[in-house]
Amino acid sequence: MAIERIDKETCTGCGLCVKNCNMDVIRMGKDGKPYIKYEQDCIVCMYCEEDCPTQSIFVSPYRHQPYLLSWG
């Protein structure tokens, strides 16, 4: 997982994270706050975390990738 959480308490609902997400991972909810819709599509560009004015988004710098082992 790359994008881990959005802190709803500190988030102001400005929408910068939704606007700046290249992969459409974050969507705006009916409550006016963003939520993670397609976490598996996150490419760890870090734009949402960097552009958040209240630092309400945490993106893990490590993306889980399964190991491919060759036989023989």
N, C-alpha and C. Protein backbone atom coordinates (compact mmCIF):
# COMPACT_ATOMS: atom_id res chain seq x y z
N MET A 1 0.84 -1.17 0.00
CA MET A 1 0.00 0.00 0.00
C MET A 1 0.89 1.23 0.00
N ALA A 2 0.49 2.25 -0.70
CA ALA A 2 1.27 3.46 -0.78
C ALA A 2 0.62 4.59 0.01
N ILE A 3 -0.55 5.06 -0.43
CA ILE A 3 -1.26 6.08 0.34
C ILE A 3 -1.94 5.37 1.50
N GLU A 4 -1.60 5.78 2.70
CA GLU A 4 -2.06 5.04 3.88
C GLU A 4 -3.28 5.65 4.56
N ARG A 5 -3.28 6.98 4.70
CA ARG A 5 -4.42 7.55 5.42
C ARG A 5 -4.57 9.04 5.12
N ILE A 6 -5.79 9.49 5.35
CA ILE A 6 -6.13 10.91 5.29
C ILE A 6 -6.78 11.24 6.62
N ASP A 7 -6.19 12.16 7.34
CA ASP A 7 -6.70 12.55 8.66
C ASP A 7 -7.90 13.47 8.47
N LYS A 8 -9.08 12.95 8.75
CA LYS A 8 -10.33 13.70 8.54
C LYS A 8 -10.47 14.87 9.52
N GLU A 9 -9.81 14.78 10.65
CA GLU A 9 -9.95 15.84 11.65
C GLU A 9 -9.17 17.09 11.28
N THR A 10 -8.00 16.92 10.67
CA THR A 10 -7.20 18.10 10.30
C THR A 10 -7.45 18.56 8.88
N CYS A 11 -8.06 17.71 8.07
CA CYS A 11 -8.35 18.05 6.67
C CYS A 11 -9.41 19.15 6.60
N THR A 12 -9.18 20.13 5.74
CA THR A 12 -10.13 21.22 5.57
C THR A 12 -11.07 21.01 4.39
N GLY A 13 -10.80 19.99 3.58
CA GLY A 13 -11.64 19.71 2.42
C GLY A 13 -11.36 20.63 1.25
N CYS A 14 -10.14 21.12 1.12
CA CYS A 14 -9.81 22.07 0.05
C CYS A 14 -9.82 21.42 -1.33
N GLY A 15 -9.56 20.11 -1.40
CA GLY A 15 -9.62 19.40 -2.67
C GLY A 15 -8.34 19.38 -3.48
N LEU A 16 -7.26 19.94 -2.95
CA LEU A 16 -6.00 19.94 -3.69
C LEU A 16 -5.49 18.52 -3.96
N CYS A 17 -5.69 17.63 -3.02
CA CYS A 17 -5.22 16.26 -3.20
C CYS A 17 -5.96 15.56 -4.33
N VAL A 18 -7.25 15.82 -4.43
CA VAL A 18 -8.06 15.22 -5.50
C VAL A 18 -7.63 15.80 -6.85
N LYS A 19 -7.41 17.09 -6.89
CA LYS A 19 -7.02 17.76 -8.12
C LYS A 19 -5.64 17.32 -8.60
N ASN A 20 -4.72 17.11 -7.67
CA ASN A 20 -3.33 16.81 -8.03
C ASN A 20 -3.01 15.33 -8.18
N CYS A 21 -3.97 14.46 -7.92
CA CYS A 21 -3.71 13.02 -8.02
C CYS A 21 -3.78 12.60 -9.49
N ASN A 22 -2.64 12.19 -10.03
CA ASN A 22 -2.56 11.79 -11.44
C ASN A 22 -3.28 10.49 -11.73
N MET A 23 -3.42 9.64 -10.74
CA MET A 23 -3.99 8.31 -10.95
C MET A 23 -5.44 8.19 -10.48
N ASP A 24 -6.04 9.29 -10.05
CA ASP A 24 -7.44 9.30 -9.61
C ASP A 24 -7.68 8.37 -8.42
N VAL A 25 -6.70 8.32 -7.52
CA VAL A 25 -6.77 7.46 -6.34
C VAL A 25 -7.68 8.07 -5.28
N ILE A 26 -7.66 9.38 -5.16
CA ILE A 26 -8.40 10.08 -4.12
C ILE A 26 -9.65 10.70 -4.73
N ARG A 27 -10.75 10.56 -4.02
CA ARG A 27 -12.03 11.15 -4.45
C ARG A 27 -12.59 11.99 -3.33
N MET A 28 -13.46 12.93 -3.67
CA MET A 28 -14.11 13.76 -2.67
C MET A 28 -15.41 13.09 -2.25
N GLY A 29 -15.59 12.96 -0.94
CA GLY A 29 -16.78 12.30 -0.40
C GLY A 29 -17.95 13.25 -0.27
N LYS A 30 -19.09 12.68 0.06
CA LYS A 30 -20.30 13.49 0.24
C LYS A 30 -20.20 14.41 1.44
N ASP A 31 -19.30 14.06 2.37
CA ASP A 31 -19.10 14.89 3.56
C ASP A 31 -18.17 16.07 3.30
N GLY A 32 -17.70 16.21 2.04
CA GLY A 32 -16.80 17.31 1.70
C GLY A 32 -15.35 17.03 2.02
N LYS A 33 -15.03 15.81 2.40
CA LYS A 33 -13.66 15.42 2.73
C LYS A 33 -13.20 14.34 1.74
N PRO A 34 -11.92 14.32 1.43
CA PRO A 34 -11.41 13.32 0.50
C PRO A 34 -11.31 11.94 1.15
N TYR A 35 -11.37 10.92 0.33
CA TYR A 35 -11.16 9.55 0.80
C TYR A 35 -10.39 8.78 -0.25
N ILE A 36 -9.78 7.67 0.16
CA ILE A 36 -8.97 6.85 -0.73
C ILE A 36 -9.91 5.88 -1.44
N LYS A 37 -10.02 6.00 -2.75
CA LYS A 37 -10.94 5.18 -3.52
C LYS A 37 -10.22 3.97 -4.15
N TYR A 38 -9.09 4.22 -4.80
CA TYR A 38 -8.37 3.15 -5.51
C TYR A 38 -6.92 3.08 -5.01
N GLU A 39 -6.73 2.63 -3.79
CA GLU A 39 -5.40 2.65 -3.19
C GLU A 39 -4.39 1.78 -3.94
N GLN A 40 -4.84 0.74 -4.63
CA GLN A 40 -3.93 -0.13 -5.35
C GLN A 40 -3.34 0.56 -6.60
N ASP A 41 -3.94 1.67 -7.04
CA ASP A 41 -3.45 2.38 -8.22
C ASP A 41 -2.44 3.48 -7.90
N CYS A 42 -2.18 3.71 -6.63
CA CYS A 42 -1.25 4.76 -6.23
C CYS A 42 0.16 4.44 -6.73
N ILE A 43 0.81 5.43 -7.36
CA ILE A 43 2.15 5.24 -7.89
C ILE A 43 3.21 5.95 -7.04
N VAL A 44 2.83 6.39 -5.86
CA VAL A 44 3.72 7.03 -4.88
C VAL A 44 4.40 8.27 -5.48
N CYS A 45 3.62 9.09 -6.17
CA CYS A 45 4.18 10.34 -6.71
C CYS A 45 4.35 11.39 -5.62
N MET A 46 3.62 11.22 -4.52
CA MET A 46 3.71 12.07 -3.33
C MET A 46 3.11 13.47 -3.52
N TYR A 47 2.46 13.76 -4.64
CA TYR A 47 1.88 15.08 -4.86
C TYR A 47 0.80 15.42 -3.84
N CYS A 48 -0.02 14.44 -3.52
CA CYS A 48 -1.11 14.71 -2.56
C CYS A 48 -0.54 15.09 -1.19
N GLU A 49 0.48 14.39 -0.75
CA GLU A 49 1.08 14.67 0.55
C GLU A 49 1.83 16.00 0.53
N GLU A 50 2.56 16.26 -0.53
CA GLU A 50 3.35 17.50 -0.61
C GLU A 50 2.48 18.74 -0.72
N ASP A 51 1.35 18.64 -1.42
CA ASP A 51 0.52 19.80 -1.66
C ASP A 51 -0.55 20.04 -0.60
N CYS A 52 -0.70 19.12 0.34
CA CYS A 52 -1.72 19.29 1.38
C CYS A 52 -1.32 20.42 2.34
N PRO A 53 -2.13 21.48 2.42
CA PRO A 53 -1.76 22.60 3.27
C PRO A 53 -1.81 22.29 4.77
N THR A 54 -2.56 21.25 5.17
CA THR A 54 -2.65 20.91 6.59
C THR A 54 -1.89 19.63 6.94
N GLN A 55 -1.16 19.07 5.97
CA GLN A 55 -0.39 17.83 6.16
C GLN A 55 -1.26 16.72 6.73
N SER A 56 -2.43 16.54 6.12
CA SER A 56 -3.40 15.55 6.58
C SER A 56 -3.26 14.21 5.88
N ILE A 57 -2.36 14.11 4.90
CA ILE A 57 -2.21 12.89 4.11
C ILE A 57 -0.86 12.27 4.40
N PHE A 58 -0.86 10.93 4.59
CA PHE A 58 0.39 10.21 4.78
C PHE A 58 0.53 9.17 3.68
N VAL A 59 1.62 9.27 2.93
CA VAL A 59 1.94 8.31 1.87
C VAL A 59 3.20 7.57 2.28
N SER A 60 3.11 6.25 2.31
CA SER A 60 4.29 5.44 2.63
C SER A 60 5.22 5.46 1.43
N PRO A 61 6.50 5.67 1.63
CA PRO A 61 7.43 5.68 0.50
C PRO A 61 7.67 4.29 -0.07
N TYR A 62 7.14 3.27 0.56
CA TYR A 62 7.36 1.89 0.11
C TYR A 62 6.06 1.31 -0.41
N ARG A 63 6.10 0.80 -1.61
CA ARG A 63 4.94 0.17 -2.21
C ARG A 63 5.17 -1.33 -2.19
N HIS A 64 4.18 -2.05 -1.69
CA HIS A 64 4.29 -3.51 -1.61
C HIS A 64 4.27 -4.10 -3.02
N GLN A 65 5.32 -4.82 -3.37
CA GLN A 65 5.40 -5.49 -4.66
C GLN A 65 5.74 -6.95 -4.39
N PRO A 66 4.97 -7.85 -4.96
CA PRO A 66 5.31 -9.27 -4.77
C PRO A 66 6.62 -9.60 -5.50
N TYR A 67 7.38 -10.49 -4.91
CA TYR A 67 8.63 -10.91 -5.52
C TYR A 67 8.36 -11.97 -6.58
N LEU A 68 9.01 -11.84 -7.70
CA LEU A 68 8.92 -12.84 -8.76
C LEU A 68 10.20 -13.68 -8.71
N LEU A 69 10.04 -14.95 -8.49
CA LEU A 69 11.18 -15.84 -8.42
C LEU A 69 11.24 -16.68 -9.70
N SER A 70 12.43 -16.82 -10.22
CA SER A 70 12.58 -17.65 -11.41
C SER A 70 12.99 -19.05 -10.99
N TRP A 71 12.57 -20.00 -11.75
CA TRP A 71 12.89 -21.40 -11.48
C TRP A 71 13.93 -21.87 -12.49
N GLY A 72 15.00 -22.38 -11.97
CA GLY A 72 15.94 -23.08 -12.81
C GLY A 72 17.07 -22.34 -13.30
